[in-house]
Amino acid sequence: AKRLEVDATEFAKAVDRVATVSSERSRAVKLSMEDD
């Protein structure tokens, strides 16, 4: 039921940028959502 709507292109670019520093093994990215 929890709905997040996001610009797909901007989202992909942002994920790609922050993932630059993630470890090769886990490639983990955390999403924190609150009030738009």
PDB file of all heavy atoms in Angstrom:
ATOM      1  N   ALA A   1       0.799  -1.231   0.000  1.00  0.00           N
ATOM      2  CA  ALA A   1       0.000   0.000   0.000  1.00  0.00           C
ATOM      3  C   ALA A   1       0.832   1.281   0.000  1.00  0.00           C
ATOM      4  O   ALA A   1       0.345   2.349  -0.366  1.00  0.00           O
ATOM      5  CB  ALA A   1      -0.933  -0.004   1.209  1.00  0.00           C
ATOM      6  N   LYS A   2       2.089   1.202   0.423  1.00  0.00           N
ATOM      7  CA  LYS A   2       2.922   2.414   0.485  1.00  0.00           C
ATOM      8  C   LYS A   2       3.411   2.730  -0.925  1.00  0.00           C
ATOM      9  O   LYS A   2       4.153   1.952  -1.519  1.00  0.00           O
ATOM     10  CB  LYS A   2       4.093   2.206   1.442  1.00  0.00           C
ATOM     11  CG  LYS A   2       3.687   1.932   2.878  1.00  0.00           C
ATOM     12  CD  LYS A   2       4.911   1.798   3.778  1.00  0.00           C
ATOM     13  CE  LYS A   2       4.533   1.523   5.221  1.00  0.00           C
ATOM     14  NZ  LYS A   2       4.040   0.158   5.426  1.00  0.00           N
ATOM     15  N   ARG A   3       3.042   3.912  -1.419  1.00  0.00           N
ATOM     16  CA  ARG A   3       3.262   4.231  -2.833  1.00  0.00           C
ATOM     17  C   ARG A   3       4.277   5.349  -3.001  1.00  0.00           C
ATOM     18  O   ARG A   3       4.129   6.440  -2.440  1.00  0.00           O
ATOM     19  CB  ARG A   3       1.931   4.629  -3.469  1.00  0.00           C
ATOM     20  CG  ARG A   3       1.965   4.857  -4.977  1.00  0.00           C
ATOM     21  CD  ARG A   3       0.556   5.196  -5.458  1.00  0.00           C
ATOM     22  NE  ARG A   3       0.441   5.157  -6.909  1.00  0.00           N
ATOM     23  CZ  ARG A   3       0.747   6.151  -7.723  1.00  0.00           C
ATOM     24  NH1 ARG A   3       1.198   7.293  -7.210  1.00  0.00           N
ATOM     25  NH2 ARG A   3       0.589   6.021  -9.037  1.00  0.00           N
ATOM     26  N   LEU A   4       5.312   5.063  -3.793  1.00  0.00           N
ATOM     27  CA  LEU A   4       6.328   6.058  -4.122  1.00  0.00           C
ATOM     28  C   LEU A   4       6.323   6.257  -5.631  1.00  0.00           C
ATOM     29  O   LEU A   4       6.415   5.299  -6.393  1.00  0.00           O
ATOM     30  CB  LEU A   4       7.718   5.565  -3.683  1.00  0.00           C
ATOM     31  CG  LEU A   4       8.921   6.321  -4.247  1.00  0.00           C
ATOM     32  CD1 LEU A   4       9.096   7.666  -3.553  1.00  0.00           C
ATOM     33  CD2 LEU A   4      10.208   5.502  -4.126  1.00  0.00           C
ATOM     34  N   GLU A   5       6.180   7.504  -6.080  1.00  0.00           N
ATOM     35  CA  GLU A   5       6.266   7.791  -7.513  1.00  0.00           C
ATOM     36  C   GLU A   5       7.466   8.696  -7.733  1.00  0.00           C
ATOM     37  O   GLU A   5       7.635   9.711  -7.062  1.00  0.00           O
ATOM     38  CB  GLU A   5       4.982   8.458  -8.018  1.00  0.00           C
ATOM     39  CG  GLU A   5       4.964   8.602  -9.530  1.00  0.00           C
ATOM     40  CD  GLU A   5       3.557   8.860 -10.097  1.00  0.00           C
ATOM     41  OE1 GLU A   5       2.573   8.771  -9.338  1.00  0.00           O
ATOM     42  OE2 GLU A   5       3.474   9.154 -11.295  1.00  0.00           O
ATOM     43  N   VAL A   6       8.311   8.298  -8.711  1.00  0.00           N
ATOM     44  CA  VAL A   6       9.561   9.015  -8.918  1.00  0.00           C
ATOM     45  C   VAL A   6       9.877   9.043 -10.408  1.00  0.00           C
ATOM     46  O   VAL A   6       9.499   8.144 -11.159  1.00  0.00           O
ATOM     47  CB  VAL A   6      10.704   8.326  -8.113  1.00  0.00           C
ATOM     48  CG1 VAL A   6      10.890   6.869  -8.532  1.00  0.00           C
ATOM     49  CG2 VAL A   6      12.030   9.078  -8.234  1.00  0.00           C
ATOM     50  N   ASP A   7      10.573  10.094 -10.837  1.00  0.00           N
ATOM     51  CA  ASP A   7      11.028  10.181 -12.220  1.00  0.00           C
ATOM     52  C   ASP A   7      12.048   9.053 -12.440  1.00  0.00           C
ATOM     53  O   ASP A   7      13.096   9.006 -11.782  1.00  0.00           O
ATOM     54  CB  ASP A   7      11.689  11.551 -12.465  1.00  0.00           C
ATOM     55  CG  ASP A   7      12.164  11.711 -13.905  1.00  0.00           C
ATOM     56  OD1 ASP A   7      13.052  10.944 -14.319  1.00  0.00           O
ATOM     57  OD2 ASP A   7      11.656  12.607 -14.608  1.00  0.00           O
ATOM     58  N   ALA A   8      11.750   8.140 -13.359  1.00  0.00           N
ATOM     59  CA  ALA A   8      12.554   6.923 -13.525  1.00  0.00           C
ATOM     60  C   ALA A   8      13.999   7.238 -13.917  1.00  0.00           C
ATOM     61  O   ALA A   8      14.942   6.626 -13.403  1.00  0.00           O
ATOM     62  CB  ALA A   8      11.913   6.011 -14.571  1.00  0.00           C
ATOM     63  N   THR A   9      14.188   8.211 -14.804  1.00  0.00           N
ATOM     64  CA  THR A   9      15.540   8.539 -15.273  1.00  0.00           C
ATOM     65  C   THR A   9      16.365   9.155 -14.156  1.00  0.00           C
ATOM     66  O   THR A   9      17.523   8.774 -13.933  1.00  0.00           O
ATOM     67  CB  THR A   9      15.470   9.520 -16.469  1.00  0.00           C
ATOM     68  OG1 THR A   9      14.600   8.975 -17.460  1.00  0.00           O
ATOM     69  CG2 THR A   9      16.838   9.736 -17.078  1.00  0.00           C
ATOM     70  N   GLU A  10      15.762  10.109 -13.427  1.00  0.00           N
ATOM     71  CA  GLU A  10      16.477  10.753 -12.316  1.00  0.00           C
ATOM     72  C   GLU A  10      16.822   9.744 -11.226  1.00  0.00           C
ATOM     73  O   GLU A  10      17.903   9.778 -10.632  1.00  0.00           O
ATOM     74  CB  GLU A  10      15.629  11.894 -11.728  1.00  0.00           C
ATOM     75  CG  GLU A  10      15.479  13.106 -12.637  1.00  0.00           C
ATOM     76  CD  GLU A  10      16.825  13.669 -13.067  1.00  0.00           C
ATOM     77  OE1 GLU A  10      17.715  13.823 -12.201  1.00  0.00           O
ATOM     78  OE2 GLU A  10      17.024  13.929 -14.265  1.00  0.00           O
ATOM     79  N   PHE A  11      15.872   8.837 -10.971  1.00  0.00           N
ATOM     80  CA  PHE A  11      16.077   7.802  -9.949  1.00  0.00           C
ATOM     81  C   PHE A  11      17.266   6.911 -10.331  1.00  0.00           C
ATOM     82  O   PHE A  11      18.155   6.651  -9.519  1.00  0.00           O
ATOM     83  CB  PHE A  11      14.803   6.974  -9.805  1.00  0.00           C
ATOM     84  CG  PHE A  11      14.919   5.819  -8.845  1.00  0.00           C
ATOM     85  CD1 PHE A  11      14.927   6.030  -7.476  1.00  0.00           C
ATOM     86  CD2 PHE A  11      15.013   4.512  -9.310  1.00  0.00           C
ATOM     87  CE1 PHE A  11      15.032   4.965  -6.582  1.00  0.00           C
ATOM     88  CE2 PHE A  11      15.120   3.442  -8.444  1.00  0.00           C
ATOM     89  CZ  PHE A  11      15.141   3.674  -7.077  1.00  0.00           C
ATOM     90  N   ALA A  12      17.291   6.456 -11.588  1.00  0.00           N
ATOM     91  CA  ALA A  12      18.371   5.565 -12.044  1.00  0.00           C
ATOM     92  C   ALA A  12      19.732   6.264 -11.944  1.00  0.00           C
ATOM     93  O   ALA A  12      20.720   5.666 -11.500  1.00  0.00           O
ATOM     94  CB  ALA A  12      18.107   5.111 -13.474  1.00  0.00           C
ATOM     95  N   LYS A  13      19.774   7.536 -12.347  1.00  0.00           N
ATOM     96  CA  LYS A  13      21.037   8.280 -12.285  1.00  0.00           C
ATOM     97  C   LYS A  13      21.519   8.433 -10.842  1.00  0.00           C
ATOM     98  O   LYS A  13      22.720   8.317 -10.547  1.00  0.00           O
ATOM     99  CB  LYS A  13      20.865   9.652 -12.929  1.00  0.00           C
ATOM    100  CG  LYS A  13      20.788   9.609 -14.452  1.00  0.00           C
ATOM    101  CD  LYS A  13      20.545  11.010 -15.011  1.00  0.00           C
ATOM    102  CE  LYS A  13      20.455  10.986 -16.542  1.00  0.00           C
ATOM    103  NZ  LYS A  13      20.068  12.309 -17.073  1.00  0.00           N
ATOM    104  N   ALA A  14      20.570   8.715  -9.937  1.00  0.00           N
ATOM    105  CA  ALA A  14      20.930   8.901  -8.528  1.00  0.00           C
ATOM    106  C   ALA A  14      21.426   7.596  -7.909  1.00  0.00           C
ATOM    107  O   ALA A  14      22.419   7.587  -7.166  1.00  0.00           O
ATOM    108  CB  ALA A  14      19.727   9.439  -7.749  1.00  0.00           C
ATOM    109  N   VAL A  15      20.760   6.498  -8.215  1.00  0.00           N
ATOM    110  CA  VAL A  15      21.196   5.183  -7.709  1.00  0.00           C
ATOM    111  C   VAL A  15      22.610   4.888  -8.206  1.00  0.00           C
ATOM    112  O   VAL A  15      23.484   4.443  -7.455  1.00  0.00           O
ATOM    113  CB  VAL A  15      20.222   4.058  -8.152  1.00  0.00           C
ATOM    114  CG1 VAL A  15      20.817   2.685  -7.843  1.00  0.00           C
ATOM    115  CG2 VAL A  15      18.869   4.204  -7.476  1.00  0.00           C
ATOM    116  N   ASP A  16      22.826   5.156  -9.482  1.00  0.00           N
ATOM    117  CA  ASP A  16      24.131   4.886 -10.084  1.00  0.00           C
ATOM    118  C   ASP A  16      25.228   5.712  -9.406  1.00  0.00           C
ATOM    119  O   ASP A  16      26.333   5.221  -9.149  1.00  0.00           O
ATOM    120  CB  ASP A  16      24.061   5.204 -11.584  1.00  0.00           C
ATOM    121  CG  ASP A  16      25.211   4.581 -12.354  1.00  0.00           C
ATOM    122  OD1 ASP A  16      25.766   3.572 -11.885  1.00  0.00           O
ATOM    123  OD2 ASP A  16      25.542   5.095 -13.436  1.00  0.00           O
ATOM    124  N   ARG A  17      24.899   6.976  -9.099  1.00  0.00           N
ATOM    125  CA  ARG A  17      25.907   7.849  -8.484  1.00  0.00           C
ATOM    126  C   ARG A  17      26.277   7.371  -7.079  1.00  0.00           C
ATOM    127  O   ARG A  17      27.458   7.244  -6.759  1.00  0.00           O
ATOM    128  CB  ARG A  17      25.394   9.301  -8.433  1.00  0.00           C
ATOM    129  CG  ARG A  17      25.530  10.031  -9.765  1.00  0.00           C
ATOM    130  CD  ARG A  17      25.294  11.510  -9.609  1.00  0.00           C
ATOM    131  NE  ARG A  17      23.900  11.842  -9.340  1.00  0.00           N
ATOM    132  CZ  ARG A  17      23.000  12.159 -10.277  1.00  0.00           C
ATOM    133  NH1 ARG A  17      23.350  12.172 -11.549  1.00  0.00           N
ATOM    134  NH2 ARG A  17      21.754  12.452  -9.953  1.00  0.00           N
ATOM    135  N   VAL A  18      25.267   7.135  -6.235  1.00  0.00           N
ATOM    136  CA  VAL A  18      25.598   6.759  -4.851  1.00  0.00           C
ATOM    137  C   VAL A  18      26.208   5.361  -4.774  1.00  0.00           C
ATOM    138  O   VAL A  18      27.008   5.060  -3.879  1.00  0.00           O
ATOM    139  CB  VAL A  18      24.370   6.855  -3.899  1.00  0.00           C
ATOM    140  CG1 VAL A  18      23.867   8.276  -3.800  1.00  0.00           C
ATOM    141  CG2 VAL A  18      23.263   5.901  -4.291  1.00  0.00           C
ATOM    142  N   ALA A  19      25.870   4.496  -5.741  1.00  0.00           N
ATOM    143  CA  ALA A  19      26.399   3.126  -5.729  1.00  0.00           C
ATOM    144  C   ALA A  19      27.883   3.072  -6.065  1.00  0.00           C
ATOM    145  O   ALA A  19      28.522   2.034  -5.885  1.00  0.00           O
ATOM    146  CB  ALA A  19      25.620   2.252  -6.707  1.00  0.00           C
ATOM    147  N   THR A  20      28.420   4.210  -6.527  1.00  0.00           N
ATOM    148  CA  THR A  20      29.847   4.261  -6.877  1.00  0.00           C
ATOM    149  C   THR A  20      30.722   3.850  -5.693  1.00  0.00           C
ATOM    150  O   THR A  20      31.763   3.220  -5.874  1.00  0.00           O
ATOM    151  CB  THR A  20      30.246   5.687  -7.332  1.00  0.00           C
ATOM    152  OG1 THR A  20      29.325   6.122  -8.329  1.00  0.00           O
ATOM    153  CG2 THR A  20      31.649   5.706  -7.909  1.00  0.00           C
ATOM    154  N   VAL A  21      30.295   4.200  -4.483  1.00  0.00           N
ATOM    155  CA  VAL A  21      31.124   3.893  -3.302  1.00  0.00           C
ATOM    156  C   VAL A  21      30.700   2.597  -2.608  1.00  0.00           C
ATOM    157  O   VAL A  21      31.283   2.226  -1.598  1.00  0.00           O
ATOM    158  CB  VAL A  21      31.112   5.057  -2.268  1.00  0.00           C
ATOM    159  CG1 VAL A  21      31.688   6.312  -2.862  1.00  0.00           C
ATOM    160  CG2 VAL A  21      29.710   5.285  -1.716  1.00  0.00           C
ATOM    161  N   SER A  22      29.676   1.918  -3.133  1.00  0.00           N
ATOM    162  CA  SER A  22      29.229   0.686  -2.468  1.00  0.00           C
ATOM    163  C   SER A  22      30.244  -0.421  -2.666  1.00  0.00           C
ATOM    164  O   SER A  22      31.020  -0.414  -3.620  1.00  0.00           O
ATOM    165  CB  SER A  22      27.862   0.241  -3.004  1.00  0.00           C
ATOM    166  OG  SER A  22      27.971  -0.134  -4.356  1.00  0.00           O
ATOM    167  N   SER A  23      30.231  -1.398  -1.759  1.00  0.00           N
ATOM    168  CA  SER A  23      31.188  -2.497  -1.871  1.00  0.00           C
ATOM    169  C   SER A  23      30.789  -3.392  -3.042  1.00  0.00           C
ATOM    170  O   SER A  23      29.609  -3.590  -3.306  1.00  0.00           O
ATOM    171  CB  SER A  23      31.219  -3.312  -0.575  1.00  0.00           C
ATOM    172  OG  SER A  23      30.059  -4.100  -0.459  1.00  0.00           O
ATOM    173  N   GLU A  24      31.786  -3.941  -3.728  1.00  0.00           N
ATOM    174  CA  GLU A  24      31.536  -4.772  -4.913  1.00  0.00           C
ATOM    175  C   GLU A  24      30.673  -5.980  -4.555  1.00  0.00           C
ATOM    176  O   GLU A  24      29.904  -6.469  -5.348  1.00  0.00           O
ATOM    177  CB  GLU A  24      32.870  -5.248  -5.510  1.00  0.00           C
ATOM    178  CG  GLU A  24      33.535  -4.216  -6.397  1.00  0.00           C
ATOM    179  CD  GLU A  24      32.662  -3.821  -7.584  1.00  0.00           C
ATOM    180  OE1 GLU A  24      32.113  -4.709  -8.249  1.00  0.00           O
ATOM    181  OE2 GLU A  24      32.521  -2.616  -7.828  1.00  0.00           O
ATOM    182  N   ARG A  25      30.816  -6.473  -3.316  1.00  0.00           N
ATOM    183  CA  ARG A  25      30.149  -7.713  -2.948  1.00  0.00           C
ATOM    184  C   ARG A  25      28.651  -7.504  -2.735  1.00  0.00           C
ATOM    185  O   ARG A  25      27.831  -8.206  -3.280  1.00  0.00           O
ATOM    186  CB  ARG A  25      30.791  -8.289  -1.682  1.00  0.00           C
ATOM    187  CG  ARG A  25      30.441  -9.731  -1.416  1.00  0.00           C
ATOM    188  CD  ARG A  25      31.364 -10.297  -0.332  1.00  0.00           C
ATOM    189  NE  ARG A  25      31.325  -9.484   0.880  1.00  0.00           N
ATOM    190  CZ  ARG A  25      30.365  -9.566   1.808  1.00  0.00           C
ATOM    191  NH1 ARG A  25      29.381 -10.418   1.649  1.00  0.00           N
ATOM    192  NH2 ARG A  25      30.399  -8.808   2.877  1.00  0.00           N
ATOM    193  N   SER A  26      28.299  -6.487  -1.945  1.00  0.00           N
ATOM    194  CA  SER A  26      26.883  -6.346  -1.592  1.00  0.00           C
ATOM    195  C   SER A  26      26.123  -5.375  -2.501  1.00  0.00           C
ATOM    196  O   SER A  26      24.947  -5.564  -2.766  1.00  0.00           O
ATOM    197  CB  SER A  26      26.741  -5.866  -0.142  1.00  0.00           C
ATOM    198  OG  SER A  26      27.137  -4.506  -0.038  1.00  0.00           O
ATOM    199  N   ARG A  27      26.813  -4.331  -2.992  1.00  0.00           N
ATOM    200  CA  ARG A  27      26.170  -3.314  -3.843  1.00  0.00           C
ATOM    201  C   ARG A  27      24.898  -2.771  -3.190  1.00  0.00           C
ATOM    202  O   ARG A  27      23.908  -2.504  -3.864  1.00  0.00           O
ATOM    203  CB  ARG A  27      25.843  -3.889  -5.226  1.00  0.00           C
ATOM    204  CG  ARG A  27      27.000  -4.438  -5.997  1.00  0.00           C
ATOM    205  CD  ARG A  27      27.710  -3.408  -6.834  1.00  0.00           C
ATOM    206  NE  ARG A  27      26.900  -2.949  -7.944  1.00  0.00           N
ATOM    207  CZ  ARG A  27      27.028  -1.764  -8.509  1.00  0.00           C
ATOM    208  NH1 ARG A  27      27.906  -0.917  -8.036  1.00  0.00           N
ATOM    209  NH2 ARG A  27      26.286  -1.407  -9.522  1.00  0.00           N
ATOM    210  N   ALA A  28      24.894  -2.628  -1.878  1.00  0.00           N
ATOM    211  CA  ALA A  28      23.672  -2.251  -1.163  1.00  0.00           C
ATOM    212  C   ALA A  28      23.438  -0.740  -1.178  1.00  0.00           C
ATOM    213  O   ALA A  28      24.350   0.056  -0.930  1.00  0.00           O
ATOM    214  CB  ALA A  28      23.735  -2.742   0.270  1.00  0.00           C
ATOM    215  N   VAL A  29      22.184  -0.355  -1.465  1.00  0.00           N
ATOM    216  CA  VAL A  29      21.761   1.046  -1.419  1.00  0.00           C
ATOM    217  C   VAL A  29      20.531   1.127  -0.513  1.00  0.00           C
ATOM    218  O   VAL A  29      19.608   0.326  -0.639  1.00  0.00           O
ATOM    219  CB  VAL A  29      21.397   1.571  -2.823  1.00  0.00           C
ATOM    220  CG1 VAL A  29      20.791   2.963  -2.745  1.00  0.00           C
ATOM    221  CG2 VAL A  29      22.612   1.611  -3.726  1.00  0.00           C
ATOM    222  N   LYS A  30      20.530   2.107   0.392  1.00  0.00           N
ATOM    223  CA  LYS A  30      19.379   2.260   1.298  1.00  0.00           C
ATOM    224  C   LYS A  30      18.465   3.374   0.795  1.00  0.00           C
ATOM    225  O   LYS A  30      18.939   4.455   0.420  1.00  0.00           O
ATOM    226  CB  LYS A  30      19.849   2.570   2.721  1.00  0.00           C
ATOM    227  CG  LYS A  30      18.685   2.672   3.723  1.00  0.00           C
ATOM    228  CD  LYS A  30      19.156   2.589   5.158  1.00  0.00           C
ATOM    229  CE  LYS A  30      19.680   3.925   5.640  1.00  0.00           C
ATOM    230  NZ  LYS A  30      19.968   3.923   7.090  1.00  0.00           N
ATOM    231  N   LEU A  31      17.160   3.115   0.766  1.00  0.00           N
ATOM    232  CA  LEU A  31      16.157   4.117   0.414  1.00  0.00           C
ATOM    233  C   LEU A  31      15.424   4.518   1.683  1.00  0.00           C
ATOM    234  O   LEU A  31      14.874   3.658   2.384  1.00  0.00           O
ATOM    235  CB  LEU A  31      15.144   3.538  -0.588  1.00  0.00           C
ATOM    236  CG  LEU A  31      15.513   3.515  -2.083  1.00  0.00           C
ATOM    237  CD1 LEU A  31      16.725   2.635  -2.322  1.00  0.00           C
ATOM    238  CD2 LEU A  31      14.336   3.003  -2.901  1.00  0.00           C
ATOM    239  N   SER A  32      15.438   5.821   1.989  1.00  0.00           N
ATOM    240  CA  SER A  32      14.702   6.348   3.145  1.00  0.00           C
ATOM    241  C   SER A  32      13.647   7.312   2.623  1.00  0.00           C
ATOM    242  O   SER A  32      13.964   8.298   1.959  1.00  0.00           O
ATOM    243  CB  SER A  32      15.641   7.086   4.107  1.00  0.00           C
ATOM    244  OG  SER A  32      16.708   6.242   4.477  1.00  0.00           O
ATOM    245  N   MET A  33      12.358   6.995   2.922  1.00  0.00           N
ATOM    246  CA  MET A  33      11.245   7.794   2.382  1.00  0.00           C
ATOM    247  C   MET A  33      10.426   8.430   3.490  1.00  0.00           C
ATOM    248  O   MET A  33      10.116   7.784   4.482  1.00  0.00           O
ATOM    249  CB  MET A  33      10.325   6.887   1.550  1.00  0.00           C
ATOM    250  CG  MET A  33      10.924   6.442   0.243  1.00  0.00           C
ATOM    251  SD  MET A  33      10.228   4.876  -0.288  1.00  0.00           S
ATOM    252  CE  MET A  33      11.255   3.697   0.531  1.00  0.00           C
ATOM    253  N   GLU A  34      10.075   9.710   3.268  1.00  0.00           N
ATOM    254  CA  GLU A  34       9.241  10.427   4.236  1.00  0.00           C
ATOM    255  C   GLU A  34       8.825  11.752   3.618  1.00  0.00           C
ATOM    256  O   GLU A  34       9.658  12.477   3.070  1.00  0.00           O
ATOM    257  CB  GLU A  34      10.049  10.667   5.525  1.00  0.00           C
ATOM    258  CG  GLU A  34       9.227  11.236   6.666  1.00  0.00           C
ATOM    259  CD  GLU A  34      10.068  11.399   7.931  1.00  0.00           C
ATOM    260  OE1 GLU A  34      11.315  11.430   7.837  1.00  0.00           O
ATOM    261  OE2 GLU A  34       9.466  11.510   9.015  1.00  0.00           O
ATOM    262  N   ASP A  35       7.543  12.063   3.670  1.00  0.00           N
ATOM    263  CA  ASP A  35       7.014  13.382   3.256  1.00  0.00           C
ATOM    264  C   ASP A  35       7.569  13.873   1.915  1.00  0.00           C
ATOM    265  O   ASP A  35       8.245  14.923   1.847  1.00  0.00           O
ATOM    266  CB  ASP A  35       7.331  14.447   4.323  1.00  0.00           C
ATOM    267  CG  ASP A  35       6.695  14.107   5.661  1.00  0.00           C
ATOM    268  OD1 ASP A  35       5.667  13.411   5.650  1.00  0.00           O
ATOM    269  OD2 ASP A  35       7.255  14.498   6.698  1.00  0.00           O
ATOM    270  N   ASP A  36       7.283  13.162   0.862  1.00  0.00           N
ATOM    271  CA  ASP A  36       7.694  13.546  -0.491  1.00  0.00           C
ATOM    272  C   ASP A  36       9.202  13.723  -0.659  1.00  0.00           C
ATOM    273  O   ASP A  36       9.671  14.463  -1.520  1.00  0.00           O
ATOM    274  CB  ASP A  36       6.982  14.836  -0.945  1.00  0.00           C
ATOM    275  CG  ASP A  36       5.496  14.594  -1.171  1.00  0.00           C
ATOM    276  OD1 ASP A  36       5.116  13.418  -1.353  1.00  0.00           O
ATOM    277  OD2 ASP A  36       4.724  15.561  -1.177  1.00  0.00           O
TER     278      ASP A  36
END
